[in-house]
N, C-alpha and C. Protein backbone atom coordinates (compact mmCIF):
# COMPACT_ATOMS: atom_id res chain seq x y z
N UNK A 1 29.18 221.04 -132.81
CA UNK A 1 28.56 220.90 -131.13
C UNK A 1 28.00 221.55 -131.01
N UNK A 2 26.55 221.60 -130.92
CA UNK A 2 25.17 222.03 -130.29
C UNK A 2 25.58 222.57 -128.54
N UNK A 3 25.35 223.44 -128.54
CA UNK A 3 25.28 224.17 -126.73
C UNK A 3 24.49 224.54 -126.55
N UNK A 4 23.38 224.02 -125.28
CA UNK A 4 22.18 224.42 -125.27
C UNK A 4 22.12 225.09 -123.69
N UNK A 5 21.61 226.39 -123.67
CA UNK A 5 22.05 226.66 -122.74
C UNK A 5 20.68 226.88 -121.49
N UNK A 6 20.63 226.08 -120.41
CA UNK A 6 19.56 225.87 -119.48
C UNK A 6 19.24 227.55 -118.66
N UNK A 7 18.24 228.22 -119.24
CA UNK A 7 18.20 229.24 -118.70
C UNK A 7 16.63 230.32 -118.04
N UNK A 8 16.58 229.21 -116.59
CA UNK A 8 15.85 228.75 -115.85
C UNK A 8 16.05 229.43 -114.66
N UNK A 9 14.97 229.29 -113.95
CA UNK A 9 15.08 229.43 -112.25
C UNK A 9 14.02 230.52 -111.89
N UNK A 10 13.67 230.22 -110.55
CA UNK A 10 12.48 230.66 -110.26
C UNK A 10 12.76 232.41 -109.17
N UNK A 11 14.24 232.40 -109.19
CA UNK A 11 14.37 234.25 -108.64
C UNK A 11 14.31 234.00 -107.09
N UNK A 12 14.86 232.93 -106.46
CA UNK A 12 14.74 233.17 -105.00
C UNK A 12 16.07 233.02 -104.62
N UNK A 13 17.18 232.70 -105.11
CA UNK A 13 18.73 232.44 -104.45
C UNK A 13 19.23 234.13 -103.96
N UNK A 14 18.85 234.99 -104.87
CA UNK A 14 19.45 236.38 -104.61
C UNK A 14 18.21 237.35 -104.45
N UNK A 15 17.45 236.54 -103.65
CA UNK A 15 15.97 237.49 -103.49
C UNK A 15 16.54 238.68 -102.70
N UNK A 16 16.40 240.00 -102.58
CA UNK A 16 15.04 240.19 -103.54
C UNK A 16 16.01 241.17 -104.68
N UNK A 17 17.25 240.86 -104.80
CA UNK A 17 17.99 241.40 -106.14
C UNK A 17 17.05 240.81 -107.47
N UNK A 18 17.07 239.21 -107.04
CA UNK A 18 16.81 238.41 -107.98
C UNK A 18 15.16 237.96 -107.86
N UNK A 19 14.00 238.15 -108.76
CA UNK A 19 13.13 237.93 -108.57
C UNK A 19 12.20 236.64 -109.78
N UNK A 20 11.30 236.16 -109.45
CA UNK A 20 10.56 235.14 -109.95
C UNK A 20 10.58 235.51 -111.75
N UNK A 21 10.37 236.86 -111.87
CA UNK A 21 9.97 237.26 -113.57
C UNK A 21 11.38 237.52 -113.88
N UNK A 22 12.58 237.87 -113.30
CA UNK A 22 13.93 238.16 -113.02
C UNK A 22 14.68 237.75 -112.06
N UNK A 23 15.24 236.21 -113.04
CA UNK A 23 15.74 235.59 -111.89
C UNK A 23 17.67 235.84 -112.08
N UNK A 24 18.33 235.35 -111.57
CA UNK A 24 19.90 235.67 -111.43
C UNK A 24 20.25 235.72 -112.56
N UNK A 25 20.27 234.84 -113.76
CA UNK A 25 20.87 234.58 -114.86
C UNK A 25 20.68 235.90 -115.78
N UNK A 26 19.56 236.95 -115.29
CA UNK A 26 19.55 237.95 -116.44
C UNK A 26 19.94 239.27 -115.93
N UNK A 27 20.39 238.72 -114.47
CA UNK A 27 21.05 240.22 -114.05
C UNK A 27 22.30 240.62 -114.32
N UNK A 28 22.56 241.88 -114.41
CA UNK A 28 24.25 241.75 -114.41
C UNK A 28 25.30 242.44 -113.14
N UNK A 29 25.57 241.02 -112.53
CA UNK A 29 26.22 240.89 -111.34
C UNK A 29 27.87 241.02 -111.56
N UNK A 30 28.42 240.38 -111.88
CA UNK A 30 29.93 240.77 -112.45
C UNK A 30 30.64 241.69 -113.66
N UNK A 31 30.08 242.49 -114.15
CA UNK A 31 30.33 243.62 -114.97
C UNK A 31 29.32 243.85 -116.13
N UNK A 32 29.36 244.46 -116.65
CA UNK A 32 28.72 245.32 -117.74
C UNK A 32 27.30 244.21 -118.85
N UNK A 33 27.84 243.01 -118.44
CA UNK A 33 26.55 241.77 -119.20
C UNK A 33 26.65 241.05 -117.74
N UNK A 34 24.66 240.00 -118.61
CA UNK A 34 23.85 239.45 -117.43
C UNK A 34 24.85 238.28 -117.44
N UNK A 35 25.04 237.57 -116.54
CA UNK A 35 25.58 235.97 -116.46
C UNK A 35 24.94 235.17 -117.62
N UNK A 36 23.97 235.36 -118.18
CA UNK A 36 23.18 235.01 -119.76
C UNK A 36 24.38 235.77 -120.53
N UNK A 37 24.07 236.58 -120.87
CA UNK A 37 25.30 236.89 -121.50
C UNK A 37 26.76 236.49 -121.98
N UNK A 38 26.97 236.40 -120.18
CA UNK A 38 28.31 235.86 -120.20
C UNK A 38 28.49 234.66 -120.53
N UNK A 39 27.52 233.88 -120.58
CA UNK A 39 27.34 232.57 -121.01
C UNK A 39 27.40 232.23 -121.94
N UNK A 40 26.34 232.99 -123.03
CA UNK A 40 26.31 233.06 -124.49
C UNK A 40 27.73 233.41 -125.22
N UNK A 41 28.31 234.34 -124.69
CA UNK A 41 29.55 234.59 -125.20
C UNK A 41 30.52 233.49 -124.83
N UNK A 42 30.92 232.81 -123.71
CA UNK A 42 31.43 231.70 -123.73
C UNK A 42 31.24 230.23 -124.32
N UNK A 43 30.05 230.34 -124.83
CA UNK A 43 29.50 228.93 -125.63
C UNK A 43 29.67 229.46 -127.26
N UNK A 44 29.83 230.75 -127.47
CA UNK A 44 29.96 231.17 -128.93
C UNK A 44 31.84 230.33 -129.08
N UNK A 45 32.55 230.65 -128.46
CA UNK A 45 33.84 230.13 -128.60
C UNK A 45 33.91 228.48 -128.98
N UNK A 46 32.97 228.06 -128.89
CA UNK A 46 33.22 226.59 -129.01
C UNK A 46 31.68 225.62 -130.00
N UNK A 47 30.75 226.36 -129.91
CA UNK A 47 29.66 225.79 -130.19
C UNK A 47 29.57 226.50 -131.70
N UNK A 48 29.25 225.62 -132.61
CA UNK A 48 28.17 225.72 -134.03
C UNK A 48 26.92 226.27 -133.88
N UNK A 49 26.38 225.94 -133.07
CA UNK A 49 25.14 226.39 -133.03
C UNK A 49 24.54 226.55 -131.17
N UNK A 50 23.47 227.46 -131.02
CA UNK A 50 23.53 227.88 -129.45
C UNK A 50 21.97 227.60 -129.23
N UNK A 51 21.24 227.46 -128.86
CA UNK A 51 20.33 227.51 -127.99
C UNK A 51 19.94 227.61 -126.91
N UNK A 52 18.80 228.03 -126.52
CA UNK A 52 18.22 228.77 -125.09
C UNK A 52 17.28 227.98 -124.79
N UNK A 53 16.99 227.46 -123.72
CA UNK A 53 15.57 226.88 -122.85
C UNK A 53 15.27 227.66 -121.96
N UNK A 54 13.76 228.43 -122.07
CA UNK A 54 13.37 229.41 -121.03
C UNK A 54 12.30 229.41 -120.91
N UNK A 55 12.09 229.78 -119.76
CA UNK A 55 10.87 229.90 -119.30
C UNK A 55 9.59 230.86 -119.79
N UNK A 56 8.37 230.88 -119.85
CA UNK A 56 7.58 231.96 -120.94
C UNK A 56 7.79 233.37 -120.43
N UNK A 57 7.95 233.37 -118.81
CA UNK A 57 7.73 234.97 -118.57
C UNK A 57 9.34 235.42 -118.74
N UNK A 58 10.49 234.42 -119.20
CA UNK A 58 11.73 235.40 -119.34
C UNK A 58 11.49 235.39 -120.75
N UNK A 59 11.22 234.93 -121.67
CA UNK A 59 11.56 234.65 -122.98
C UNK A 59 11.63 236.33 -123.70
N UNK A 60 10.68 236.81 -123.65
CA UNK A 60 10.99 238.00 -124.16
C UNK A 60 12.55 239.06 -123.82
N UNK A 61 13.05 238.61 -122.30
CA UNK A 61 13.81 239.76 -122.04
C UNK A 61 15.16 238.71 -122.51
N UNK A 62 15.33 237.33 -122.54
CA UNK A 62 16.30 236.61 -123.35
C UNK A 62 16.48 237.19 -124.87
N UNK A 63 15.25 237.12 -125.21
CA UNK A 63 15.72 237.64 -126.93
C UNK A 63 16.31 239.09 -126.64
N UNK A 64 15.87 239.85 -125.75
CA UNK A 64 16.27 241.38 -126.02
C UNK A 64 17.87 241.42 -125.65
N UNK A 65 18.23 240.24 -124.66
CA UNK A 65 19.75 240.27 -124.27
C UNK A 65 20.66 239.70 -125.57
N UNK A 66 19.61 238.79 -126.06
CA UNK A 66 20.49 238.26 -126.89
C UNK A 66 20.23 238.08 -128.87
N UNK A 67 20.61 239.85 -128.82
CA UNK A 67 19.41 240.28 -130.17
C UNK A 67 20.14 239.38 -131.16
N UNK A 68 21.55 238.89 -131.47
CA UNK A 68 22.08 238.13 -132.79
C UNK A 68 21.45 236.45 -132.61
N UNK A 69 20.83 236.17 -131.59
CA UNK A 69 20.09 234.66 -131.31
C UNK A 69 19.12 234.19 -132.61
N UNK A 70 18.63 233.74 -133.20
CA UNK A 70 17.68 233.70 -134.10
C UNK A 70 16.52 232.98 -133.31
N UNK A 71 15.43 233.71 -133.54
CA UNK A 71 14.01 233.38 -132.55
C UNK A 71 13.74 232.11 -132.81
N UNK A 72 14.28 231.44 -133.24
CA UNK A 72 13.82 229.68 -133.44
C UNK A 72 14.84 228.97 -132.47
N UNK A 73 16.22 229.87 -131.95
CA UNK A 73 16.65 229.14 -131.16
C UNK A 73 16.92 229.07 -129.52
N UNK A 74 15.14 229.81 -129.29
CA UNK A 74 15.03 230.16 -127.86
C UNK A 74 13.85 229.29 -128.03
N UNK A 75 14.15 228.45 -126.77
CA UNK A 75 13.04 227.05 -126.70
C UNK A 75 11.95 227.33 -125.47
N UNK A 76 11.16 227.57 -125.16
CA UNK A 76 10.24 228.47 -124.93
C UNK A 76 9.64 227.18 -123.62
N UNK A 77 9.40 227.17 -122.63
CA UNK A 77 8.97 226.59 -121.67
C UNK A 77 7.57 226.92 -121.38
N UNK A 78 6.51 226.40 -121.35
CA UNK A 78 5.29 226.98 -121.27
C UNK A 78 5.34 227.31 -119.41
N UNK A 79 6.31 226.61 -118.96
CA UNK A 79 5.64 226.43 -117.11
C UNK A 79 7.22 226.33 -116.60
N UNK A 80 7.61 226.54 -115.58
CA UNK A 80 8.58 226.13 -114.75
C UNK A 80 8.25 224.04 -114.45
N UNK A 81 9.28 223.21 -114.91
CA UNK A 81 8.91 221.85 -114.68
C UNK A 81 10.62 221.35 -114.17
N UNK A 82 11.56 221.75 -114.10
CA UNK A 82 12.61 221.03 -113.75
C UNK A 82 13.99 221.57 -114.92
N UNK A 83 15.24 220.53 -114.47
CA UNK A 83 16.15 220.64 -115.34
C UNK A 83 15.76 219.65 -116.14
N UNK A 84 15.27 218.72 -115.63
CA UNK A 84 15.40 217.54 -116.52
C UNK A 84 13.91 217.40 -118.13
N UNK A 85 13.30 218.70 -117.46
CA UNK A 85 12.35 218.65 -118.27
C UNK A 85 12.47 219.74 -119.68
N UNK A 86 13.54 220.30 -119.22
CA UNK A 86 14.37 221.55 -120.01
C UNK A 86 14.84 220.80 -121.12
N UNK A 87 15.96 219.80 -120.24
CA UNK A 87 16.85 218.70 -121.47
C UNK A 87 15.66 218.06 -122.70
N UNK A 88 14.88 217.66 -122.08
CA UNK A 88 14.03 216.87 -122.86
C UNK A 88 13.26 217.60 -124.01
N UNK A 89 12.68 219.00 -123.40
CA UNK A 89 11.95 219.67 -124.64
C UNK A 89 13.12 219.88 -125.63
N UNK A 90 14.37 220.27 -124.83
CA UNK A 90 15.85 220.83 -126.37
C UNK A 90 15.75 219.68 -126.86
N UNK A 91 16.00 218.91 -126.88
CA UNK A 91 16.29 216.98 -127.68
C UNK A 91 15.57 216.99 -128.42
N UNK A 92 13.84 217.13 -127.91
CA UNK A 92 12.79 217.11 -128.77
C UNK A 92 12.65 217.77 -129.93
N UNK A 93 13.33 219.12 -129.59
CA UNK A 93 13.15 220.42 -130.51
C UNK A 93 14.23 220.21 -132.14
N UNK A 94 15.36 219.64 -130.92
CA UNK A 94 17.14 219.83 -131.99
C UNK A 94 17.03 218.32 -132.62
N UNK A 95 16.35 217.47 -131.97
CA UNK A 95 17.43 216.36 -132.44
C UNK A 95 16.81 215.49 -134.02
N UNK A 96 15.55 215.67 -134.25
CA UNK A 96 15.13 215.68 -135.63
C UNK A 96 15.95 216.21 -136.77
N UNK A 97 16.34 217.15 -136.43
CA UNK A 97 17.18 218.11 -137.69
C UNK A 97 19.02 217.77 -137.42
N UNK A 98 19.53 217.58 -136.02
CA UNK A 98 20.81 216.77 -135.89
C UNK A 98 20.76 215.80 -134.96
N UNK A 99 20.82 214.76 -135.38
CA UNK A 99 20.60 213.71 -134.69
C UNK A 99 22.19 213.13 -134.33
N UNK A 100 22.89 213.67 -134.90
CA UNK A 100 24.53 213.39 -135.01
C UNK A 100 25.17 214.22 -134.47
N UNK A 101 24.66 215.26 -133.99
CA UNK A 101 25.69 216.61 -133.45
C UNK A 101 25.51 216.31 -132.29
N UNK A 102 26.92 216.18 -131.73
CA UNK A 102 27.27 216.55 -129.90
C UNK A 102 26.81 217.77 -129.64
N UNK A 103 25.89 216.90 -128.70
CA UNK A 103 25.32 218.68 -127.76
C UNK A 103 25.89 218.77 -126.60
N UNK A 104 25.65 220.23 -125.85
CA UNK A 104 26.33 219.97 -124.38
C UNK A 104 25.34 221.05 -123.71
N UNK A 105 24.72 220.57 -122.57
CA UNK A 105 24.09 220.99 -121.59
C UNK A 105 24.77 222.48 -120.83
N UNK A 106 24.37 223.50 -120.34
CA UNK A 106 25.42 224.02 -119.56
C UNK A 106 24.03 225.30 -119.14
N UNK A 107 24.15 225.96 -117.80
CA UNK A 107 23.33 226.46 -117.08
C UNK A 107 23.80 227.96 -117.26
N UNK A 108 23.07 228.64 -117.46
CA UNK A 108 23.27 230.19 -117.47
C UNK A 108 23.50 231.43 -116.67
N UNK A 109 23.61 230.72 -115.15
CA UNK A 109 23.86 231.98 -113.96
C UNK A 109 24.88 231.28 -113.46
N UNK A 110 26.08 230.59 -114.08
CA UNK A 110 27.58 229.98 -113.71
C UNK A 110 28.25 231.75 -113.90
N UNK A 111 29.13 231.70 -113.44
CA UNK A 111 30.02 232.67 -113.35
C UNK A 111 31.82 231.89 -113.18
N UNK A 112 32.18 232.18 -114.45
CA UNK A 112 33.31 231.59 -114.84
C UNK A 112 34.17 232.56 -115.89
N UNK A 113 35.27 232.52 -114.83
CA UNK A 113 36.65 233.82 -115.29
C UNK A 113 37.53 233.10 -116.14
N UNK A 114 37.68 231.78 -116.25
CA UNK A 114 38.71 231.35 -116.64
C UNK A 114 38.22 230.49 -118.16
N UNK A 115 37.36 231.82 -119.38
CA UNK A 115 37.45 231.30 -120.65
C UNK A 115 37.84 230.09 -121.26
N UNK A 116 39.57 230.46 -121.52
CA UNK A 116 39.84 229.09 -122.38
C UNK A 116 40.01 228.36 -121.68
N UNK A 117 39.85 227.68 -120.23
CA UNK A 117 39.69 226.34 -119.29
C UNK A 117 38.24 225.73 -119.73
N UNK A 118 37.56 226.35 -120.00
CA UNK A 118 35.99 226.36 -120.45
C UNK A 118 36.38 225.58 -121.62
N UNK A 119 36.53 226.60 -122.61
CA UNK A 119 36.69 226.26 -123.74
C UNK A 119 37.62 224.50 -124.08
N UNK A 120 38.58 224.72 -123.26
CA UNK A 120 39.51 223.44 -123.28
C UNK A 120 38.68 222.42 -122.90
N UNK A 121 38.08 222.26 -121.77
CA UNK A 121 36.95 221.29 -120.69
C UNK A 121 36.38 220.94 -121.69
N UNK A 122 35.65 222.18 -122.45
CA UNK A 122 34.09 221.00 -122.98
C UNK A 122 34.65 220.45 -124.41
N UNK A 123 35.56 221.18 -124.89
CA UNK A 123 36.22 219.97 -126.03
C UNK A 123 36.36 218.80 -125.52
N UNK A 124 37.33 218.66 -124.84
CA UNK A 124 37.90 217.32 -124.06
C UNK A 124 36.83 216.49 -123.80
N UNK A 125 35.92 217.14 -122.95
CA UNK A 125 34.61 215.98 -122.62
C UNK A 125 33.66 215.98 -123.88
N UNK A 126 33.93 216.77 -124.80
CA UNK A 126 33.26 216.23 -126.39
C UNK A 126 33.64 215.04 -126.88
N UNK A 127 35.16 215.15 -126.81
CA UNK A 127 36.26 214.32 -127.54
C UNK A 127 35.52 212.87 -126.67
N UNK A 128 35.69 213.37 -125.46
CA UNK A 128 35.66 211.69 -124.59
C UNK A 128 34.22 211.16 -124.56
N UNK A 129 33.17 211.91 -124.70
CA UNK A 129 31.43 211.73 -125.00
C UNK A 129 31.51 210.75 -126.01
N UNK A 130 32.01 211.41 -127.31
CA UNK A 130 32.49 210.56 -128.76
C UNK A 130 33.38 209.53 -128.56
N UNK A 131 34.31 209.33 -128.04
CA UNK A 131 35.32 208.42 -128.06
C UNK A 131 34.14 207.30 -127.34
N UNK A 132 33.85 207.40 -126.51
CA UNK A 132 33.53 206.46 -125.67
C UNK A 132 31.92 206.09 -125.53
N UNK A 133 31.00 206.76 -126.67
CA UNK A 133 29.83 206.69 -126.79
C UNK A 133 29.23 206.89 -125.19
N UNK A 134 29.33 207.58 -124.25
CA UNK A 134 28.87 207.92 -122.89
C UNK A 134 28.55 208.90 -122.76
N UNK A 135 27.40 209.41 -122.02
CA UNK A 135 27.50 210.65 -121.51
C UNK A 135 28.90 211.25 -120.68
N UNK A 136 29.43 212.05 -120.85
CA UNK A 136 30.01 212.72 -120.38
C UNK A 136 29.89 214.25 -119.50
N UNK A 137 30.51 214.12 -118.50
CA UNK A 137 30.06 214.98 -116.88
C UNK A 137 31.14 215.67 -116.36
N UNK A 138 30.91 217.30 -116.47
CA UNK A 138 31.93 218.36 -116.01
C UNK A 138 31.71 218.71 -114.80
N UNK A 139 32.95 218.40 -113.98
CA UNK A 139 33.00 218.45 -112.45
C UNK A 139 34.07 219.59 -111.76
N UNK A 140 33.51 220.02 -110.77
CA UNK A 140 34.83 221.18 -110.57
C UNK A 140 35.49 220.33 -109.07
N UNK A 141 36.34 220.54 -108.68
CA UNK A 141 37.15 220.25 -107.10
C UNK A 141 36.72 220.94 -106.45
N UNK A 142 35.88 220.65 -105.45
CA UNK A 142 35.61 221.54 -104.27
C UNK A 142 36.49 222.26 -103.48
N UNK A 143 35.73 223.31 -102.94
CA UNK A 143 36.93 224.15 -102.38
C UNK A 143 36.42 223.87 -100.80
N UNK A 144 34.93 223.52 -100.45
CA UNK A 144 34.74 223.58 -98.96
C UNK A 144 33.34 222.69 -98.83
N UNK A 145 32.89 222.58 -97.90
CA UNK A 145 32.05 221.22 -97.76
C UNK A 145 30.35 221.46 -98.24
N UNK A 146 30.27 222.09 -99.75
CA UNK A 146 28.70 222.53 -99.85
C UNK A 146 27.59 221.46 -99.56
N UNK A 147 26.56 222.19 -99.29
CA UNK A 147 25.20 221.38 -99.50
C UNK A 147 24.18 221.47 -100.17
N UNK A 148 24.67 222.41 -100.84
CA UNK A 148 23.53 222.97 -102.20
C UNK A 148 23.61 222.71 -103.38
N UNK A 149 25.04 221.56 -103.35
CA UNK A 149 25.42 221.06 -104.57
C UNK A 149 24.98 219.37 -104.56
N UNK A 150 25.29 218.75 -106.01
CA UNK A 150 25.62 217.68 -106.08
C UNK A 150 26.99 217.08 -106.37
N UNK A 151 27.16 216.10 -106.10
CA UNK A 151 28.59 215.44 -106.21
C UNK A 151 28.61 214.36 -107.12
N UNK A 152 30.24 214.35 -107.57
CA UNK A 152 29.97 213.08 -108.49
C UNK A 152 31.30 212.25 -108.02
N UNK A 153 30.88 211.31 -107.65
CA UNK A 153 32.86 210.07 -107.06
C UNK A 153 33.13 209.65 -108.59
N UNK A 154 34.61 210.01 -108.78
CA UNK A 154 35.36 209.57 -109.55
C UNK A 154 35.96 208.37 -109.34
N UNK A 155 36.32 207.64 -110.45
CA UNK A 155 36.75 206.41 -110.25
C UNK A 155 37.84 206.21 -110.88
N UNK A 156 38.63 205.89 -111.85
CA UNK A 156 39.58 205.16 -112.46
C UNK A 156 39.85 206.58 -113.45
N UNK A 157 40.72 206.85 -114.18
CA UNK A 157 41.26 207.53 -115.27
C UNK A 157 40.96 206.56 -116.47
N UNK A 158 39.89 207.21 -117.39
CA UNK A 158 39.92 206.58 -118.47
C UNK A 158 41.50 206.83 -119.32
N UNK A 159 41.25 208.51 -119.70
CA UNK A 159 42.63 208.49 -120.46
C UNK A 159 42.96 210.40 -120.24
N UNK A 160 43.47 210.76 -121.34
CA UNK A 160 44.21 212.40 -120.45
C UNK A 160 43.62 212.68 -122.07
N UNK A 161 42.87 213.89 -122.14
CA UNK A 161 42.71 214.84 -123.42
C UNK A 161 43.08 216.27 -123.02
N UNK A 162 44.01 216.42 -123.77
CA UNK A 162 44.93 217.84 -123.46
C UNK A 162 45.13 218.31 -121.95
N UNK A 163 45.65 217.50 -121.75
CA UNK A 163 45.94 217.37 -120.43
C UNK A 163 45.50 217.18 -119.06
N UNK A 164 43.78 217.15 -119.15
CA UNK A 164 43.08 216.85 -119.09
C UNK A 164 42.28 215.07 -118.76
N UNK A 165 42.74 215.14 -117.02
CA UNK A 165 42.29 213.64 -116.94
C UNK A 165 40.23 213.00 -116.99
N UNK A 166 40.02 212.36 -117.77
CA UNK A 166 38.81 211.69 -118.21
C UNK A 166 38.72 210.62 -116.96
N UNK A 167 37.74 210.51 -116.03
CA UNK A 167 37.14 209.49 -115.15
C UNK A 167 36.39 208.86 -115.26
N UNK A 168 36.44 207.45 -114.99
CA UNK A 168 34.55 206.88 -114.78
C UNK A 168 33.93 207.76 -113.65
N UNK A 169 32.39 207.58 -113.58
CA UNK A 169 31.80 208.24 -112.94
C UNK A 169 31.29 207.16 -112.14
N UNK A 170 31.63 206.69 -110.73
CA UNK A 170 31.13 205.98 -109.97
C UNK A 170 30.00 205.79 -109.11
N UNK A 171 29.36 207.13 -108.39
CA UNK A 171 28.38 207.46 -107.67
C UNK A 171 28.04 208.61 -108.24
N UNK A 172 26.63 209.27 -107.59
CA UNK A 172 26.69 210.78 -107.26
C UNK A 172 25.81 210.77 -106.40
N UNK A 173 25.59 211.91 -105.60
CA UNK A 173 25.08 212.61 -104.74
C UNK A 173 24.65 213.79 -104.56
N UNK A 174 23.10 213.76 -104.70
CA UNK A 174 22.71 214.99 -104.54
C UNK A 174 22.28 215.90 -103.41
N UNK A 175 23.00 216.95 -102.79
CA UNK A 175 22.81 217.91 -102.30
C UNK A 175 22.93 217.21 -100.64
N UNK A 176 24.35 216.75 -100.15
CA UNK A 176 24.74 215.81 -98.79
C UNK A 176 24.12 216.87 -98.14
N UNK A 177 24.28 216.13 -96.98
CA UNK A 177 24.27 217.08 -95.08
C UNK A 177 25.46 216.80 -95.00
N UNK A 178 25.80 218.40 -94.15
CA UNK A 178 27.41 219.10 -93.86
C UNK A 178 28.62 217.92 -93.84
N UNK A 179 28.01 216.60 -92.76
CA UNK A 179 28.72 216.25 -92.21
C UNK A 179 29.30 215.27 -93.87
N UNK A 180 28.23 214.14 -94.31
CA UNK A 180 28.82 213.87 -95.58
C UNK A 180 29.44 214.84 -96.75
N UNK A 181 29.77 216.04 -96.53
CA UNK A 181 30.00 216.78 -97.60
C UNK A 181 31.56 216.91 -96.96
N UNK A 182 31.70 217.12 -95.97
CA UNK A 182 33.19 217.36 -94.97
C UNK A 182 33.75 216.02 -95.24
N UNK A 183 33.30 215.00 -95.57
CA UNK A 183 33.45 213.69 -95.70
C UNK A 183 33.96 213.49 -96.93
N UNK A 184 33.24 214.34 -98.05
CA UNK A 184 33.59 213.91 -99.50
C UNK A 184 34.89 214.64 -100.05
N UNK A 185 34.79 216.47 -99.19
CA UNK A 185 36.23 216.93 -99.32
C UNK A 185 37.33 216.39 -99.05
N UNK A 186 37.31 216.09 -97.92
CA UNK A 186 38.68 215.03 -97.48
C UNK A 186 39.09 213.98 -98.44
N UNK A 187 38.38 213.31 -98.61
CA UNK A 187 38.77 212.09 -99.18
C UNK A 187 39.07 212.31 -100.65
N UNK A 188 38.70 213.15 -101.36
CA UNK A 188 39.49 213.39 -102.70
C UNK A 188 39.07 213.56 -103.93
N UNK A 189 37.83 212.23 -103.66
CA UNK A 189 37.22 211.42 -104.84
C UNK A 189 35.82 211.98 -105.02
N UNK A 190 35.62 212.99 -105.16
CA UNK A 190 34.33 213.69 -105.23
C UNK A 190 34.63 214.93 -105.86
N UNK A 191 33.75 215.43 -106.52
CA UNK A 191 33.77 216.55 -107.89
C UNK A 191 32.29 217.01 -107.41
N UNK A 192 31.90 218.48 -107.39
CA UNK A 192 30.96 219.09 -107.49
C UNK A 192 30.16 219.11 -108.95
N UNK A 193 28.95 218.13 -108.67
CA UNK A 193 28.31 217.92 -110.45
C UNK A 193 27.84 219.47 -110.91
N UNK A 194 28.82 220.04 -112.07
CA UNK A 194 27.92 221.52 -112.44
C UNK A 194 26.85 221.33 -113.19
N UNK A 195 26.29 220.12 -113.50
CA UNK A 195 25.25 220.19 -114.20
C UNK A 195 25.52 220.32 -115.70
N UNK A 196 26.90 220.12 -116.33
CA UNK A 196 27.28 219.95 -117.73
C UNK A 196 27.52 218.83 -117.92
N UNK A 197 26.62 218.36 -119.03
CA UNK A 197 26.53 217.48 -119.91
C UNK A 197 27.22 217.11 -121.20
N UNK A 198 27.27 216.34 -122.03
CA UNK A 198 27.58 216.07 -123.26
C UNK A 198 27.36 214.84 -123.75
N UNK A 199 26.79 214.69 -125.24
CA UNK A 199 26.46 213.48 -125.70
C UNK A 199 25.88 213.53 -126.51
N UNK A 200 26.45 212.69 -128.01
CA UNK A 200 25.69 213.16 -129.23
C UNK A 200 23.87 212.83 -129.15
N UNK A 201 23.10 213.70 -130.04
CA UNK A 201 21.99 214.16 -129.82
C UNK A 201 21.23 213.12 -129.85
N UNK A 202 21.08 212.17 -131.08
CA UNK A 202 20.36 210.96 -130.69
C UNK A 202 20.31 209.99 -129.70
N UNK A 203 21.69 209.93 -128.87
CA UNK A 203 21.88 209.14 -128.16
C UNK A 203 21.43 209.48 -126.72
N UNK A 204 21.19 210.65 -126.38
CA UNK A 204 20.97 211.65 -125.20
C UNK A 204 19.00 211.34 -125.47
N UNK A 205 18.81 211.48 -126.61
CA UNK A 205 17.40 211.22 -126.82
C UNK A 205 16.92 209.72 -126.46
N UNK A 206 17.75 208.88 -127.32
CA UNK A 206 17.11 207.75 -126.44
C UNK A 206 17.20 207.56 -125.11
N UNK A 207 18.29 207.83 -124.37
CA UNK A 207 18.58 207.54 -122.84
C UNK A 207 18.12 208.65 -122.28
C-alpha cells in the first residue's frame, strides 16, 4: 500500500500559533514531534511507500522534519488549490509507476492516539476497497454536533473485516448547520468524514 499524506493548509485555524508559512501540521502541539511527524510515523506502520503533497512555501520544512523521506516523494504544489487538486497531483505523479498499487490519502494534521486502531482500520479499508473495487472512506462516530466537518451517511453492513463493519455510503453532507448536525448526532447513522480514502491507484485516477 502507498500512503499519500496531504500536508497543506492556510494556517488560519490555530492563529496566531499557526501561520500561512507555518501551518498546524508543522507544529509540535502534542509532544516532541509535529503533527506531520506523528502522521508519517503512523503511516510507516502500514505503508510500503509514503508520499507527501505539500505547498511550495512549506516544502523545505517538510523535508527538514522528515529527513529519511526520499526528496522525490515530496510532491510540491506551486500554490494552494484545495484537497481535490492535491489528490489529482499525487495520482498524476505516482500512477504511471504504481498503477496496481492500493493508495490511501490521509491528512497531516490529525491527532490520533490509538496507532494500533489506525493501522487495523486502514488495513481493513484497503481490503474492502480491493474486494469491492470501490473507493473506501474512513469515518468517525461523532461525539458532538460539529458544523465544521463533513458527514457520511452509512447504510447496510456489506461485510465485517477484523471486527470492523464495512458499510455502504448512502449520502454526504459537507459542514451542515447546527440543527442538521444535531439531527445527525441523534440519528446515529452519520459519521464524521475524516477525508481518508482508499482505492487502487489506476481506478482513482480514472474516476
